[in-house]
Amino acid sequence: MKTMKKALAMTALAAAMIPAANAVEVSGNVTLATDYKFRGYSQTDTSPAVQGGFDVGFDSGFYVGMWGSNVDFAKSLELDYYAGYAGEINDSVSYDVGYIYYDYPGTPDEDDYEEFYASISVSDFTFGLAYSDDYYFETGEFYYVYADYSFDLGGGYGLGLHYGFNSFDRDSNNADPGDNVFLADGDDYADYSISLTKEWVGLEFGLSYVDTDIDSKESGVADSVTDGSFIFSISKSL
Protein backbone atom coordinates (compact mmCIF):
# COMPACT_ATOMS: atom_id res chain seq x y z
CA MET A 1 0.00 0.00 0.00
CA LYS A 2 2.75 2.45 0.91
CA THR A 3 4.57 1.66 -2.32
CA MET A 4 1.42 2.61 -4.21
CA LYS A 5 1.08 5.85 -2.23
CA LYS A 6 4.68 6.71 -3.03
CA ALA A 7 4.07 6.06 -6.72
CA LEU A 8 1.00 8.31 -6.71
CA ALA A 9 2.91 11.11 -4.98
CA MET A 10 5.75 10.93 -7.50
CA THR A 11 3.28 10.79 -10.43
CA ALA A 12 1.54 13.96 -9.24
CA LEU A 13 4.88 15.71 -8.92
CA ALA A 14 6.00 14.60 -12.38
CA ALA A 15 2.72 15.77 -13.94
CA ALA A 16 3.22 19.20 -12.45
CA MET A 17 6.57 19.52 -14.21
CA ILE A 18 4.79 19.61 -17.58
CA PRO A 19 4.73 23.27 -18.73
CA ALA A 20 1.38 24.87 -18.05
CA ALA A 21 -0.06 28.20 -19.11
CA ASN A 22 -1.13 29.13 -15.61
CA ALA A 23 2.19 28.34 -13.91
CA VAL A 24 3.21 31.47 -12.03
CA GLU A 25 6.45 30.48 -10.34
CA VAL A 26 9.12 27.83 -10.24
CA SER A 27 11.43 28.30 -7.28
CA GLY A 28 14.16 26.42 -5.49
CA ASN A 29 16.17 26.56 -2.30
CA VAL A 30 19.34 25.14 -0.79
CA THR A 31 20.43 25.14 2.86
CA LEU A 32 23.55 24.24 4.80
CA ALA A 33 22.89 23.67 8.52
CA THR A 34 24.84 22.46 11.53
CA ASP A 35 22.00 20.04 12.36
CA TYR A 36 18.64 18.91 10.99
CA LYS A 37 15.99 18.81 13.68
CA PHE A 38 12.45 17.75 12.81
CA ARG A 39 9.85 18.28 15.52
CA GLY A 40 12.65 18.50 18.06
CA TYR A 41 14.47 15.33 16.95
CA SER A 42 17.92 15.53 15.38
CA GLN A 43 17.70 13.59 12.12
CA THR A 44 21.47 13.75 11.61
CA ASP A 45 22.64 12.82 15.14
CA THR A 46 23.71 16.48 15.62
CA SER A 47 25.85 16.40 12.45
CA PRO A 48 25.61 18.94 9.58
CA ALA A 49 22.91 18.72 6.93
CA VAL A 50 22.77 19.65 3.25
CA GLN A 51 19.21 20.31 2.12
CA GLY A 52 17.38 21.54 -0.94
CA GLY A 53 14.16 21.49 -2.87
CA PHE A 54 11.95 23.13 -5.46
CA ASP A 55 8.33 24.23 -5.81
CA VAL A 56 6.00 24.77 -8.75
CA GLY A 57 3.13 27.18 -8.07
CA PHE A 58 0.07 27.98 -10.19
CA ASP A 59 -2.31 30.94 -10.48
CA SER A 60 -5.09 28.81 -9.03
CA GLY A 61 -3.26 28.45 -5.71
CA PHE A 62 -2.27 24.84 -6.33
CA TYR A 63 1.38 23.91 -5.77
CA VAL A 64 3.62 20.85 -5.77
CA GLY A 65 7.17 20.38 -4.60
CA MET A 66 9.99 18.14 -3.51
CA TRP A 67 12.54 18.55 -0.71
CA GLY A 68 15.47 16.45 0.44
CA SER A 69 18.10 16.18 3.16
CA ASN A 70 20.77 13.84 4.40
CA VAL A 71 19.82 11.98 7.60
CA ASP A 72 21.68 9.70 10.00
CA PHE A 73 19.37 6.70 9.44
CA ALA A 74 17.39 5.09 6.63
CA LYS A 75 20.46 4.83 4.38
CA SER A 76 21.20 8.52 4.90
CA LEU A 77 18.55 10.15 2.67
CA GLU A 78 15.10 11.67 3.12
CA LEU A 79 12.98 12.83 0.18
CA ASP A 80 9.64 14.58 0.69
CA TYR A 81 6.99 14.94 -2.02
CA TYR A 82 4.08 17.30 -1.41
CA ALA A 83 1.11 18.95 -3.07
CA GLY A 84 -1.38 21.44 -1.73
CA TYR A 85 -3.55 24.48 -2.17
CA ALA A 86 -2.96 27.91 -0.61
CA GLY A 87 -5.12 31.00 -0.71
CA GLU A 88 -6.17 34.20 1.03
CA ILE A 89 -9.44 35.05 2.73
CA ASN A 90 -8.47 38.71 3.06
CA ASP A 91 -5.31 40.83 3.38
CA SER A 92 -4.44 39.44 6.82
CA VAL A 93 -5.85 35.89 6.76
CA SER A 94 -4.55 33.06 4.58
CA TYR A 95 -4.73 29.25 4.55
CA ASP A 96 -2.83 26.22 3.29
CA VAL A 97 -3.96 22.60 2.96
CA GLY A 98 -2.08 19.69 1.47
CA TYR A 99 -0.52 16.25 1.45
CA ILE A 100 3.10 15.19 2.01
CA TYR A 101 4.84 11.85 1.59
CA TYR A 102 8.07 11.19 3.52
CA ASP A 103 10.25 8.80 1.55
CA TYR A 104 13.47 7.10 2.68
CA PRO A 105 14.80 5.48 -0.52
CA GLY A 106 16.21 1.99 -0.29
CA THR A 107 14.57 1.17 3.05
CA PRO A 108 11.57 -1.03 3.91
CA ASP A 109 8.14 0.49 3.27
CA GLU A 110 7.39 0.82 6.98
CA ASP A 111 9.96 3.64 7.19
CA ASP A 112 7.94 5.76 4.76
CA TYR A 113 4.77 7.54 5.82
CA GLU A 114 2.25 10.17 4.71
CA GLU A 115 0.63 13.18 6.33
CA PHE A 116 -2.25 15.52 5.59
CA TYR A 117 -1.81 19.08 6.78
CA ALA A 118 -3.75 22.32 7.15
CA SER A 119 -2.90 25.73 8.55
CA ILE A 120 -4.35 29.19 8.86
CA SER A 121 -2.32 32.38 9.21
CA VAL A 122 -3.63 35.52 10.83
CA SER A 123 -1.24 38.45 10.48
CA ASP A 124 2.06 37.17 11.96
CA PHE A 125 0.56 34.07 13.61
CA THR A 126 0.15 30.63 12.05
CA PHE A 127 -1.84 27.74 13.57
CA GLY A 128 -1.60 24.31 12.00
CA LEU A 129 -2.43 20.62 12.21
CA ALA A 130 -0.80 17.57 10.59
CA TYR A 131 -2.25 14.05 10.68
CA SER A 132 -0.76 10.68 9.74
CA ASP A 133 -2.82 7.50 9.61
CA ASP A 134 0.36 5.47 10.25
CA TYR A 135 3.40 7.41 11.42
CA TYR A 136 7.10 6.63 10.95
CA PHE A 137 8.02 2.92 11.34
CA GLU A 138 4.32 1.97 11.43
CA THR A 139 3.73 3.47 14.89
CA GLY A 140 0.03 4.17 14.35
CA GLU A 141 -2.02 7.35 14.14
CA PHE A 142 -0.27 10.63 14.87
CA TYR A 143 -1.37 14.24 15.32
CA TYR A 144 0.82 17.34 15.31
CA VAL A 145 -0.62 20.67 16.46
CA TYR A 146 1.55 23.76 16.28
CA ALA A 147 1.64 27.55 16.51
CA ASP A 148 4.20 29.86 14.92
CA TYR A 149 4.85 33.56 15.27
CA SER A 150 7.04 35.53 12.88
CA PHE A 151 8.01 39.17 13.18
CA ASP A 152 9.99 41.51 10.94
CA LEU A 153 12.52 43.30 13.15
CA GLY A 154 13.65 45.61 10.36
CA GLY A 155 17.05 45.89 8.76
CA GLY A 156 16.71 42.43 7.22
CA TYR A 157 16.28 40.74 10.61
CA GLY A 158 13.41 38.40 11.44
CA LEU A 159 12.26 36.66 14.62
CA GLY A 160 10.42 33.33 14.71
CA LEU A 161 8.79 31.49 17.61
CA HIS A 162 7.45 27.92 17.39
CA TYR A 163 5.58 25.53 19.66
CA GLY A 164 4.40 22.09 18.60
CA PHE A 165 2.64 19.21 20.34
CA ASN A 166 3.20 15.63 19.15
CA SER A 167 0.35 13.23 20.00
CA PHE A 168 0.46 9.46 19.42
CA ASP A 169 -2.70 7.36 19.34
CA ARG A 170 -0.65 4.26 20.14
CA ASP A 171 1.86 4.26 23.01
CA SER A 172 3.70 1.76 25.16
CA ASN A 173 0.75 1.69 27.57
CA ASN A 174 -1.93 0.65 25.08
CA ALA A 175 0.00 -1.04 22.22
CA ASP A 176 -0.68 -4.66 21.38
CA PRO A 177 2.23 -7.14 21.59
CA GLY A 178 4.44 -6.69 18.54
CA ASP A 179 3.18 -3.18 17.73
CA ASN A 180 5.78 -0.47 17.18
CA VAL A 181 5.72 2.63 19.39
CA PHE A 182 7.57 5.88 18.79
CA LEU A 183 8.81 6.47 22.36
CA ALA A 184 9.69 3.85 24.94
CA ASP A 185 7.79 5.67 27.69
CA GLY A 186 4.71 6.15 25.50
CA ASP A 187 4.38 9.83 26.27
CA ASP A 188 3.27 12.58 23.93
CA TYR A 189 5.77 15.41 23.82
CA ALA A 190 6.22 19.08 22.93
CA ASP A 191 8.89 20.77 20.86
CA TYR A 192 9.67 24.47 20.70
CA SER A 193 12.16 26.84 19.14
CA ILE A 194 13.19 30.45 18.75
CA SER A 195 14.92 31.64 15.59
CA LEU A 196 16.69 34.78 14.44
CA THR A 197 17.32 35.33 10.72
CA LYS A 198 19.23 37.94 8.75
CA GLU A 199 19.07 38.65 5.02
CA TRP A 200 22.49 39.65 3.68
CA VAL A 201 24.19 39.57 0.26
CA GLY A 202 21.38 37.47 -1.17
CA LEU A 203 21.59 34.84 1.55
CA GLU A 204 19.57 34.14 4.70
CA PHE A 205 21.58 33.44 7.82
CA GLY A 206 19.74 31.74 10.69
CA LEU A 207 20.42 30.93 14.31
CA SER A 208 17.87 28.77 16.14
CA TYR A 209 17.53 27.21 19.56
CA VAL A 210 15.47 23.99 19.41
CA ASP A 211 14.36 21.86 22.37
CA THR A 212 11.77 19.32 23.57
CA ASP A 213 10.28 18.31 26.91
CA ILE A 214 11.29 14.65 26.41
CA ASP A 215 12.86 12.92 29.40
CA SER A 216 15.74 11.06 27.78
CA LYS A 217 16.13 8.60 30.65
CA GLU A 218 12.49 7.48 30.45
CA SER A 219 12.13 7.56 26.67
CA GLY A 220 15.34 5.69 25.90
CA VAL A 221 16.35 8.39 23.40
CA ALA A 222 19.94 9.67 23.48
CA ASP A 223 20.33 13.10 25.10
CA SER A 224 22.05 14.50 22.02
CA VAL A 225 19.02 13.75 19.82
CA THR A 226 16.34 15.67 21.72
CA ASP A 227 18.13 18.00 24.14
CA GLY A 228 18.14 21.72 23.45
CA SER A 229 20.78 22.95 21.03
CA PHE A 230 21.67 25.86 18.77
CA ILE A 231 21.55 25.39 15.00
CA PHE A 232 23.23 27.73 12.52
CA SER A 233 22.15 27.75 8.87
CA ILE A 234 22.81 29.50 5.58
CA SER A 235 20.07 29.41 2.93
CA LYS A 236 19.75 30.59 -0.64
CA SER A 237 16.55 30.97 -2.63
CA LEU A 238 16.89 30.17 -6.33
C-alpha atoms as a PDB file:
ATOM      1  CA  MET A   1       0.000   0.000   0.000  1.00  0.00           C
ATOM      2  CA  LYS A   2       2.745   2.452   0.910  1.00  0.00           C
ATOM      3  CA  THR A   3       4.574   1.660  -2.324  1.00  0.00           C
ATOM      4  CA  MET A   4       1.415   2.612  -4.209  1.00  0.00           C
ATOM      5  CA  LYS A   5       1.081   5.854  -2.225  1.00  0.00           C
ATOM      6  CA  LYS A   6       4.683   6.707  -3.030  1.00  0.00           C
ATOM      7  CA  ALA A   7       4.070   6.062  -6.723  1.00  0.00           C
ATOM      8  CA  LEU A   8       0.995   8.313  -6.709  1.00  0.00           C
ATOM      9  CA  ALA A   9       2.906  11.114  -4.984  1.00  0.00           C
ATOM     10  CA  MET A  10       5.747  10.931  -7.503  1.00  0.00           C
ATOM     11  CA  THR A  11       3.285  10.785 -10.428  1.00  0.00           C
ATOM     12  CA  ALA A  12       1.545  13.957  -9.240  1.00  0.00           C
ATOM     13  CA  LEU A  13       4.882  15.713  -8.916  1.00  0.00           C
ATOM     14  CA  ALA A  14       6.003  14.605 -12.383  1.00  0.00           C
ATOM     15  CA  ALA A  15       2.724  15.767 -13.939  1.00  0.00           C
ATOM     16  CA  ALA A  16       3.222  19.203 -12.451  1.00  0.00           C
ATOM     17  CA  MET A  17       6.566  19.517 -14.211  1.00  0.00           C
ATOM     18  CA  ILE A  18       4.786  19.612 -17.582  1.00  0.00           C
ATOM     19  CA  PRO A  19       4.731  23.270 -18.726  1.00  0.00           C
ATOM     20  CA  ALA A  20       1.378  24.869 -18.048  1.00  0.00           C
ATOM     21  CA  ALA A  21      -0.064  28.200 -19.111  1.00  0.00           C
ATOM     22  CA  ASN A  22      -1.133  29.127 -15.609  1.00  0.00           C
ATOM     23  CA  ALA A  23       2.187  28.335 -13.907  1.00  0.00           C
ATOM     24  CA  VAL A  24       3.214  31.467 -12.032  1.00  0.00           C
ATOM     25  CA  GLU A  25       6.447  30.485 -10.338  1.00  0.00           C
ATOM     26  CA  VAL A  26       9.117  27.832 -10.239  1.00  0.00           C
ATOM     27  CA  SER A  27      11.431  28.304  -7.278  1.00  0.00           C
ATOM     28  CA  GLY A  28      14.164  26.416  -5.491  1.00  0.00           C
ATOM     29  CA  ASN A  29      16.169  26.560  -2.299  1.00  0.00           C
ATOM     30  CA  VAL A  30      19.338  25.141  -0.785  1.00  0.00           C
ATOM     31  CA  THR A  31      20.429  25.140   2.863  1.00  0.00           C
ATOM     32  CA  LEU A  32      23.553  24.244   4.797  1.00  0.00           C
ATOM     33  CA  ALA A  33      22.894  23.666   8.517  1.00  0.00           C
ATOM     34  CA  THR A  34      24.844  22.462  11.529  1.00  0.00           C
ATOM     35  CA  ASP A  35      22.004  20.036  12.364  1.00  0.00           C
ATOM     36  CA  TYR A  36      18.640  18.913  10.989  1.00  0.00           C
ATOM     37  CA  LYS A  37      15.985  18.805  13.682  1.00  0.00           C
ATOM     38  CA  PHE A  38      12.446  17.749  12.806  1.00  0.00           C
ATOM     39  CA  ARG A  39       9.854  18.276  15.523  1.00  0.00           C
ATOM     40  CA  GLY A  40      12.654  18.499  18.062  1.00  0.00           C
ATOM     41  CA  TYR A  41      14.472  15.327  16.949  1.00  0.00           C
ATOM     42  CA  SER A  42      17.916  15.532  15.377  1.00  0.00           C
ATOM     43  CA  GLN A  43      17.705  13.593  12.123  1.00  0.00           C
ATOM     44  CA  THR A  44      21.473  13.750  11.610  1.00  0.00           C
ATOM     45  CA  ASP A  45      22.637  12.822  15.144  1.00  0.00           C
ATOM     46  CA  THR A  46      23.712  16.477  15.621  1.00  0.00           C
ATOM     47  CA  SER A  47      25.851  16.404  12.451  1.00  0.00           C
ATOM     48  CA  PRO A  48      25.614  18.939   9.584  1.00  0.00           C
ATOM     49  CA  ALA A  49      22.914  18.716   6.927  1.00  0.00           C
ATOM     50  CA  VAL A  50      22.775  19.651   3.245  1.00  0.00           C
ATOM     51  CA  GLN A  51      19.209  20.306   2.115  1.00  0.00           C
ATOM     52  CA  GLY A  52      17.384  21.540  -0.944  1.00  0.00           C
ATOM     53  CA  GLY A  53      14.158  21.493  -2.873  1.00  0.00           C
ATOM     54  CA  PHE A  54      11.952  23.127  -5.463  1.00  0.00           C
ATOM     55  CA  ASP A  55       8.333  24.232  -5.814  1.00  0.00           C
ATOM     56  CA  VAL A  56       6.000  24.771  -8.751  1.00  0.00           C
ATOM     57  CA  GLY A  57       3.126  27.177  -8.073  1.00  0.00           C
ATOM     58  CA  PHE A  58       0.069  27.981 -10.192  1.00  0.00           C
ATOM     59  CA  ASP A  59      -2.313  30.940 -10.475  1.00  0.00           C
ATOM     60  CA  SER A  60      -5.093  28.811  -9.033  1.00  0.00           C
ATOM     61  CA  GLY A  61      -3.257  28.450  -5.708  1.00  0.00           C
ATOM     62  CA  PHE A  62      -2.270  24.838  -6.329  1.00  0.00           C
ATOM     63  CA  TYR A  63       1.376  23.914  -5.771  1.00  0.00           C
ATOM     64  CA  VAL A  64       3.624  20.849  -5.768  1.00  0.00           C
ATOM     65  CA  GLY A  65       7.171  20.383  -4.603  1.00  0.00           C
ATOM     66  CA  MET A  66       9.985  18.144  -3.508  1.00  0.00           C
ATOM     67  CA  TRP A  67      12.539  18.551  -0.712  1.00  0.00           C
ATOM     68  CA  GLY A  68      15.468  16.449   0.444  1.00  0.00           C
ATOM     69  CA  SER A  69      18.102  16.177   3.160  1.00  0.00           C
ATOM     70  CA  ASN A  70      20.767  13.839   4.395  1.00  0.00           C
ATOM     71  CA  VAL A  71      19.824  11.984   7.600  1.00  0.00           C
ATOM     72  CA  ASP A  72      21.683   9.700   9.995  1.00  0.00           C
ATOM     73  CA  PHE A  73      19.367   6.705   9.437  1.00  0.00           C
ATOM     74  CA  ALA A  74      17.388   5.092   6.628  1.00  0.00           C
ATOM     75  CA  LYS A  75      20.460   4.831   4.383  1.00  0.00           C
ATOM     76  CA  SER A  76      21.198   8.525   4.895  1.00  0.00           C
ATOM     77  CA  LEU A  77      18.552  10.149   2.666  1.00  0.00           C
ATOM     78  CA  GLU A  78      15.096  11.674   3.118  1.00  0.00           C
ATOM     79  CA  LEU A  79      12.978  12.828   0.175  1.00  0.00           C
ATOM     80  CA  ASP A  80       9.636  14.577   0.690  1.00  0.00           C
ATOM     81  CA  TYR A  81       6.986  14.943  -2.018  1.00  0.00           C
ATOM     82  CA  TYR A  82       4.081  17.303  -1.412  1.00  0.00           C
ATOM     83  CA  ALA A  83       1.110  18.947  -3.068  1.00  0.00           C
ATOM     84  CA  GLY A  84      -1.376  21.445  -1.732  1.00  0.00           C
ATOM     85  CA  TYR A  85      -3.551  24.476  -2.175  1.00  0.00           C
ATOM     86  CA  ALA A  86      -2.958  27.909  -0.614  1.00  0.00           C
ATOM     87  CA  GLY A  87      -5.120  30.996  -0.709  1.00  0.00           C
ATOM     88  CA  GLU A  88      -6.172  34.200   1.029  1.00  0.00           C
ATOM     89  CA  ILE A  89      -9.437  35.050   2.727  1.00  0.00           C
ATOM     90  CA  ASN A  90      -8.468  38.711   3.063  1.00  0.00           C
ATOM     91  CA  ASP A  91      -5.311  40.825   3.375  1.00  0.00           C
ATOM     92  CA  SER A  92      -4.444  39.442   6.816  1.00  0.00           C
ATOM     93  CA  VAL A  93      -5.854  35.889   6.757  1.00  0.00           C
ATOM     94  CA  SER A  94      -4.546  33.056   4.577  1.00  0.00           C
ATOM     95  CA  TYR A  95      -4.729  29.253   4.552  1.00  0.00           C
ATOM     96  CA  ASP A  96      -2.828  26.221   3.287  1.00  0.00           C
ATOM     97  CA  VAL A  97      -3.965  22.600   2.956  1.00  0.00           C
ATOM     98  CA  GLY A  98      -2.084  19.687   1.467  1.00  0.00           C
ATOM     99  CA  TYR A  99      -0.525  16.245   1.449  1.00  0.00           C
ATOM    100  CA  ILE A 100       3.096  15.186   2.014  1.00  0.00           C
ATOM    101  CA  TYR A 101       4.842  11.853   1.593  1.00  0.00           C
ATOM    102  CA  TYR A 102       8.073  11.188   3.524  1.00  0.00           C
ATOM    103  CA  ASP A 103      10.247   8.800   1.550  1.00  0.00           C
ATOM    104  CA  TYR A 104      13.466   7.101   2.683  1.00  0.00           C
ATOM    105  CA  PRO A 105      14.796   5.478  -0.519  1.00  0.00           C
ATOM    106  CA  GLY A 106      16.214   1.990  -0.294  1.00  0.00           C
ATOM    107  CA  THR A 107      14.573   1.172   3.046  1.00  0.00           C
ATOM    108  CA  PRO A 108      11.565  -1.032   3.914  1.00  0.00           C
ATOM    109  CA  ASP A 109       8.142   0.488   3.274  1.00  0.00           C
ATOM    110  CA  GLU A 110       7.391   0.824   6.979  1.00  0.00           C
ATOM    111  CA  ASP A 111       9.956   3.638   7.193  1.00  0.00           C
ATOM    112  CA  ASP A 112       7.936   5.761   4.759  1.00  0.00           C
ATOM    113  CA  TYR A 113       4.770   7.543   5.816  1.00  0.00           C
ATOM    114  CA  GLU A 114       2.250  10.168   4.713  1.00  0.00           C
ATOM    115  CA  GLU A 115       0.629  13.182   6.333  1.00  0.00           C
ATOM    116  CA  PHE A 116      -2.250  15.516   5.594  1.00  0.00           C
ATOM    117  CA  TYR A 117      -1.808  19.082   6.782  1.00  0.00           C
ATOM    118  CA  ALA A 118      -3.750  22.318   7.150  1.00  0.00           C
ATOM    119  CA  SER A 119      -2.898  25.728   8.554  1.00  0.00           C
ATOM    120  CA  ILE A 120      -4.353  29.193   8.859  1.00  0.00           C
ATOM    121  CA  SER A 121      -2.322  32.377   9.212  1.00  0.00           C
ATOM    122  CA  VAL A 122      -3.635  35.524  10.834  1.00  0.00           C
ATOM    123  CA  SER A 123      -1.240  38.447  10.476  1.00  0.00           C
ATOM    124  CA  ASP A 124       2.064  37.171  11.957  1.00  0.00           C
ATOM    125  CA  PHE A 125       0.555  34.074  13.607  1.00  0.00           C
ATOM    126  CA  THR A 126       0.149  30.629  12.047  1.00  0.00           C
ATOM    127  CA  PHE A 127      -1.838  27.741  13.566  1.00  0.00           C
ATOM    128  CA  GLY A 128      -1.604  24.311  12.000  1.00  0.00           C
ATOM    129  CA  LEU A 129      -2.434  20.619  12.211  1.00  0.00           C
ATOM    130  CA  ALA A 130      -0.798  17.565  10.592  1.00  0.00           C
ATOM    131  CA  TYR A 131      -2.252  14.053  10.680  1.00  0.00           C
ATOM    132  CA  SER A 132      -0.761  10.678   9.737  1.00  0.00           C
ATOM    133  CA  ASP A 133      -2.817   7.501   9.613  1.00  0.00           C
ATOM    134  CA  ASP A 134       0.364   5.466  10.251  1.00  0.00           C
ATOM    135  CA  TYR A 135       3.405   7.407  11.424  1.00  0.00           C
ATOM    136  CA  TYR A 136       7.104   6.627  10.949  1.00  0.00           C
ATOM    137  CA  PHE A 137       8.025   2.921  11.338  1.00  0.00           C
ATOM    138  CA  GLU A 138       4.317   1.969  11.431  1.00  0.00           C
ATOM    139  CA  THR A 139       3.727   3.474  14.885  1.00  0.00           C
ATOM    140  CA  GLY A 140       0.027   4.171  14.349  1.00  0.00           C
ATOM    141  CA  GLU A 141      -2.019   7.351  14.140  1.00  0.00           C
ATOM    142  CA  PHE A 142      -0.268  10.627  14.873  1.00  0.00           C
ATOM    143  CA  TYR A 143      -1.367  14.242  15.318  1.00  0.00           C
ATOM    144  CA  TYR A 144       0.818  17.340  15.310  1.00  0.00           C
ATOM    145  CA  VAL A 145      -0.623  20.666  16.457  1.00  0.00           C
ATOM    146  CA  TYR A 146       1.547  23.763  16.279  1.00  0.00           C
ATOM    147  CA  ALA A 147       1.637  27.547  16.508  1.00  0.00           C
ATOM    148  CA  ASP A 148       4.196  29.862  14.916  1.00  0.00           C
ATOM    149  CA  TYR A 149       4.847  33.563  15.274  1.00  0.00           C
ATOM    150  CA  SER A 150       7.039  35.531  12.882  1.00  0.00           C
ATOM    151  CA  PHE A 151       8.011  39.169  13.184  1.00  0.00           C
ATOM    152  CA  ASP A 152       9.988  41.508  10.944  1.00  0.00           C
ATOM    153  CA  LEU A 153      12.520  43.299  13.150  1.00  0.00           C
ATOM    154  CA  GLY A 154      13.646  45.605  10.362  1.00  0.00           C
ATOM    155  CA  GLY A 155      17.051  45.892   8.763  1.00  0.00           C
ATOM    156  CA  GLY A 156      16.709  42.430   7.218  1.00  0.00           C
ATOM    157  CA  TYR A 157      16.282  40.735  10.614  1.00  0.00           C
ATOM    158  CA  GLY A 158      13.409  38.400  11.444  1.00  0.00           C
ATOM    159  CA  LEU A 159      12.255  36.659  14.621  1.00  0.00           C
ATOM    160  CA  GLY A 160      10.425  33.332  14.713  1.00  0.00           C
ATOM    161  CA  LEU A 161       8.791  31.489  17.612  1.00  0.00           C
ATOM    162  CA  HIS A 162       7.452  27.922  17.390  1.00  0.00           C
ATOM    163  CA  TYR A 163       5.575  25.526  19.659  1.00  0.00           C
ATOM    164  CA  GLY A 164       4.399  22.085  18.596  1.00  0.00           C
ATOM    165  CA  PHE A 165       2.644  19.208  20.338  1.00  0.00           C
ATOM    166  CA  ASN A 166       3.195  15.626  19.146  1.00  0.00           C
ATOM    167  CA  SER A 167       0.351  13.229  19.998  1.00  0.00           C
ATOM    168  CA  PHE A 168       0.458   9.455  19.417  1.00  0.00           C
ATOM    169  CA  ASP A 169      -2.703   7.360  19.343  1.00  0.00           C
ATOM    170  CA  ARG A 170      -0.650   4.255  20.144  1.00  0.00           C
ATOM    171  CA  ASP A 171       1.865   4.263  23.005  1.00  0.00           C
ATOM    172  CA  SER A 172       3.701   1.757  25.164  1.00  0.00           C
ATOM    173  CA  ASN A 173       0.749   1.691  27.569  1.00  0.00           C
ATOM    174  CA  ASN A 174      -1.928   0.646  25.079  1.00  0.00           C
ATOM    175  CA  ALA A 175      -0.002  -1.041  22.220  1.00  0.00           C
ATOM    176  CA  ASP A 176      -0.681  -4.664  21.380  1.00  0.00           C
ATOM    177  CA  PRO A 177       2.235  -7.136  21.588  1.00  0.00           C
ATOM    178  CA  GLY A 178       4.443  -6.693  18.539  1.00  0.00           C
ATOM    179  CA  ASP A 179       3.183  -3.177  17.727  1.00  0.00           C
ATOM    180  CA  ASN A 180       5.778  -0.465  17.177  1.00  0.00           C
ATOM    181  CA  VAL A 181       5.717   2.625  19.386  1.00  0.00           C
ATOM    182  CA  PHE A 182       7.569   5.877  18.787  1.00  0.00           C
ATOM    183  CA  LEU A 183       8.812   6.473  22.360  1.00  0.00           C
ATOM    184  CA  ALA A 184       9.687   3.848  24.937  1.00  0.00           C
ATOM    185  CA  ASP A 185       7.787   5.665  27.695  1.00  0.00           C
ATOM    186  CA  GLY A 186       4.714   6.146  25.505  1.00  0.00           C
ATOM    187  CA  ASP A 187       4.383   9.835  26.272  1.00  0.00           C
ATOM    188  CA  ASP A 188       3.271  12.578  23.927  1.00  0.00           C
ATOM    189  CA  TYR A 189       5.770  15.408  23.816  1.00  0.00           C
ATOM    190  CA  ALA A 190       6.215  19.083  22.935  1.00  0.00           C
ATOM    191  CA  ASP A 191       8.891  20.770  20.857  1.00  0.00           C
ATOM    192  CA  TYR A 192       9.668  24.471  20.702  1.00  0.00           C
ATOM    193  CA  SER A 193      12.161  26.840  19.140  1.00  0.00           C
ATOM    194  CA  ILE A 194      13.194  30.453  18.745  1.00  0.00           C
ATOM    195  CA  SER A 195      14.922  31.639  15.587  1.00  0.00           C
ATOM    196  CA  LEU A 196      16.689  34.776  14.440  1.00  0.00           C
ATOM    197  CA  THR A 197      17.323  35.331  10.718  1.00  0.00           C
ATOM    198  CA  LYS A 198      19.226  37.938   8.754  1.00  0.00           C
ATOM    199  CA  GLU A 199      19.070  38.650   5.018  1.00  0.00           C
ATOM    200  CA  TRP A 200      22.485  39.653   3.684  1.00  0.00           C
ATOM    201  CA  VAL A 201      24.193  39.571   0.261  1.00  0.00           C
ATOM    202  CA  GLY A 202      21.375  37.469  -1.169  1.00  0.00           C
ATOM    203  CA  LEU A 203      21.589  34.836   1.551  1.00  0.00           C
ATOM    204  CA  GLU A 204      19.569  34.137   4.696  1.00  0.00           C
ATOM    205  CA  PHE A 205      21.581  33.442   7.823  1.00  0.00           C
ATOM    206  CA  GLY A 206      19.735  31.744  10.686  1.00  0.00           C
ATOM    207  CA  LEU A 207      20.420  30.927  14.310  1.00  0.00           C
ATOM    208  CA  SER A 208      17.865  28.771  16.143  1.00  0.00           C
ATOM    209  CA  TYR A 209      17.529  27.207  19.556  1.00  0.00           C
ATOM    210  CA  VAL A 210      15.471  23.987  19.408  1.00  0.00           C
ATOM    211  CA  ASP A 211      14.360  21.855  22.370  1.00  0.00           C
ATOM    212  CA  THR A 212      11.772  19.323  23.567  1.00  0.00           C
ATOM    213  CA  ASP A 213      10.282  18.311  26.909  1.00  0.00           C
ATOM    214  CA  ILE A 214      11.290  14.651  26.407  1.00  0.00           C
ATOM    215  CA  ASP A 215      12.857  12.922  29.398  1.00  0.00           C
ATOM    216  CA  SER A 216      15.742  11.056  27.778  1.00  0.00           C
ATOM    217  CA  LYS A 217      16.130   8.601  30.652  1.00  0.00           C
ATOM    218  CA  GLU A 218      12.489   7.481  30.450  1.00  0.00           C
ATOM    219  CA  SER A 219      12.133   7.561  26.670  1.00  0.00           C
ATOM    220  CA  GLY A 220      15.342   5.690  25.896  1.00  0.00           C
ATOM    221  CA  VAL A 221      16.354   8.390  23.397  1.00  0.00           C
ATOM    222  CA  ALA A 222      19.936   9.673  23.476  1.00  0.00           C
ATOM    223  CA  ASP A 223      20.331  13.096  25.098  1.00  0.00           C
ATOM    224  CA  SER A 224      22.045  14.502  22.020  1.00  0.00           C
ATOM    225  CA  VAL A 225      19.025  13.745  19.815  1.00  0.00           C
ATOM    226  CA  THR A 226      16.342  15.673  21.716  1.00  0.00           C
ATOM    227  CA  ASP A 227      18.129  18.002  24.138  1.00  0.00           C
ATOM    228  CA  GLY A 228      18.144  21.718  23.454  1.00  0.00           C
ATOM    229  CA  SER A 229      20.783  22.951  21.029  1.00  0.00           C
ATOM    230  CA  PHE A 230      21.667  25.858  18.767  1.00  0.00           C
ATOM    231  CA  ILE A 231      21.550  25.393  14.995  1.00  0.00           C
ATOM    232  CA  PHE A 232      23.235  27.730  12.520  1.00  0.00           C
ATOM    233  CA  SER A 233      22.154  27.748   8.873  1.00  0.00           C
ATOM    234  CA  ILE A 234      22.805  29.499   5.584  1.00  0.00           C
ATOM    235  CA  SER A 235      20.067  29.406   2.932  1.00  0.00           C
ATOM    236  CA  LYS A 236      19.752  30.587  -0.642  1.00  0.00           C
ATOM    237  CA  SER A 237      16.546  30.971  -2.633  1.00  0.00           C
ATOM    238  CA  LEU A 238      16.887  30.172  -6.334  1.00  0.00           C
END
